[in-house]
Amino acid sequence: MVYKIIGGVAIFLSIVALYPSMQPGAPSVIGFYLTLLSMFISALASQRQLPYYFYCVALFSLSNVLFLNDGTRLSLLFIQGDWTYICSMYSLFLVVLCIGSLLIRYKTRSSQ
């Protein structure tokens, strides 16, 4: 029951992180880090239950980072010259995504 609540909070946090991500400047960075936090929380909640929470949060987070976030949109790669910032944020997102999916995969293999 506790993990269902934590998973629901993670999904809610990933949805809430969409609003500051669309704002220019510092709120988009805050939204990005809220997205990463929600991915960690959902990975922890999905370890005990089905990986549904992590997959939902990963889908929201991927759309947030690639299409909505003011600092990391894909369209900025062609317009803006700050490739270092964008690529570092993408790599940070990929690291968190890989760690979360490895946690889920390890837990589901050990439970079978």
Protein backbone atom coordinates (compact mmCIF):
# COMPACT_ATOMS: atom_id res chain seq x y z
CA MET A 1 0.00 0.00 0.00
CA VAL A 2 2.82 2.38 0.84
CA TYR A 3 4.53 1.73 -2.48
CA LYS A 4 1.31 2.47 -4.36
CA ILE A 5 1.12 5.84 -2.62
CA ILE A 6 4.79 6.54 -3.35
CA GLY A 7 4.26 5.56 -6.99
CA GLY A 8 1.25 7.86 -7.22
CA VAL A 9 3.27 10.69 -5.71
CA ALA A 10 6.02 10.08 -8.28
CA ILE A 11 3.53 10.25 -11.15
CA PHE A 12 1.97 13.40 -9.67
CA LEU A 13 5.41 14.99 -9.25
CA SER A 14 6.33 14.25 -12.86
CA ILE A 15 3.11 15.90 -14.02
CA VAL A 16 3.69 18.91 -11.73
CA ALA A 17 7.22 19.24 -13.13
CA LEU A 18 5.78 19.98 -16.57
CA TYR A 19 4.71 23.51 -15.62
CA PRO A 20 8.06 24.91 -14.39
CA SER A 21 9.80 23.18 -17.28
CA MET A 22 7.98 25.37 -19.79
CA GLN A 23 9.02 28.61 -18.07
CA PRO A 24 12.15 30.39 -19.35
CA GLY A 25 15.22 30.62 -17.15
CA ALA A 26 15.75 29.00 -13.77
CA PRO A 27 12.29 27.40 -13.42
CA SER A 28 13.08 25.13 -16.37
CA VAL A 29 16.15 23.85 -14.49
CA ILE A 30 14.03 23.29 -11.38
CA GLY A 31 11.51 21.41 -13.52
CA PHE A 32 14.29 19.26 -14.95
CA TYR A 33 15.55 18.29 -11.51
CA LEU A 34 11.99 17.62 -10.32
CA THR A 35 11.70 15.26 -13.27
CA LEU A 36 14.85 13.43 -12.21
CA LEU A 37 13.62 13.23 -8.62
CA SER A 38 10.31 11.77 -9.73
CA MET A 39 12.18 9.14 -11.75
CA PHE A 40 14.19 8.09 -8.68
CA ILE A 41 11.05 7.94 -6.54
CA SER A 42 9.19 5.89 -9.13
CA ALA A 43 12.11 3.46 -9.46
CA LEU A 44 12.05 2.90 -5.72
CA ALA A 45 8.28 2.43 -5.74
CA SER A 46 8.42 0.06 -8.69
CA GLN A 47 10.93 -2.22 -7.04
CA ARG A 48 8.26 -3.71 -4.79
CA GLN A 49 5.34 -3.54 -7.23
CA LEU A 50 5.02 -3.81 -10.98
CA PRO A 51 7.21 -1.44 -12.99
CA TYR A 52 4.09 0.48 -14.05
CA TYR A 53 5.03 3.56 -12.02
CA PHE A 54 8.49 3.80 -13.50
CA TYR A 55 7.22 3.38 -17.06
CA CYS A 56 4.59 6.11 -16.61
CA VAL A 57 7.06 8.53 -15.06
CA ALA A 58 9.69 7.72 -17.69
CA LEU A 59 7.18 8.50 -20.45
CA PHE A 60 6.20 11.83 -18.86
CA SER A 61 9.85 12.66 -18.20
CA LEU A 62 10.95 11.83 -21.73
CA SER A 63 8.29 14.06 -23.23
CA ASN A 64 9.18 16.77 -20.71
CA VAL A 65 12.90 16.73 -21.47
CA LEU A 66 12.71 16.32 -25.24
CA PHE A 67 9.75 18.50 -26.15
CA LEU A 68 8.59 20.78 -23.32
CA ASN A 69 11.57 21.88 -21.24
CA ASP A 70 12.70 25.37 -22.13
CA GLY A 71 16.39 24.54 -21.75
CA THR A 72 16.60 21.06 -23.26
CA ARG A 73 14.15 20.90 -26.18
CA LEU A 74 15.29 19.07 -29.27
CA SER A 75 14.61 22.15 -31.36
CA LEU A 76 17.27 24.06 -29.39
CA LEU A 77 19.99 21.81 -30.78
CA PHE A 78 19.53 23.43 -34.18
CA ILE A 79 18.91 27.02 -33.03
CA GLN A 80 21.01 27.55 -29.93
CA GLY A 81 24.78 27.25 -29.71
CA ASP A 82 24.90 25.98 -26.11
CA TRP A 83 25.37 22.33 -26.97
CA THR A 84 27.40 21.66 -23.83
CA TYR A 85 24.49 22.41 -21.50
CA ILE A 86 21.95 20.49 -23.55
CA CYS A 87 24.15 17.43 -24.00
CA SER A 88 25.10 17.38 -20.32
CA MET A 89 21.43 17.49 -19.32
CA TYR A 90 20.59 14.71 -21.79
CA SER A 91 23.43 12.59 -20.44
CA LEU A 92 22.28 13.17 -16.85
CA PHE A 93 18.76 12.16 -17.85
CA LEU A 94 20.05 9.02 -19.58
CA VAL A 95 22.10 8.04 -16.53
CA VAL A 96 19.06 8.33 -14.25
CA LEU A 97 16.92 6.44 -16.78
CA CYS A 98 19.48 3.63 -17.05
CA ILE A 99 19.92 3.34 -13.28
CA GLY A 100 16.16 3.21 -12.78
CA SER A 101 15.63 0.61 -15.47
CA LEU A 102 18.49 -1.50 -14.10
CA LEU A 103 16.94 -1.35 -10.62
CA ILE A 104 13.61 -2.46 -12.04
CA ARG A 105 15.17 -5.22 -14.15
CA TYR A 106 17.25 -6.54 -11.25
CA LYS A 107 14.27 -6.62 -8.93
CA THR A 108 11.97 -8.34 -11.43
CA ARG A 109 14.59 -10.99 -12.22
CA SER A 110 15.22 -11.72 -8.55
CA SER A 111 11.49 -12.07 -7.83
CA GLN A 112 10.96 -14.67 -10.59
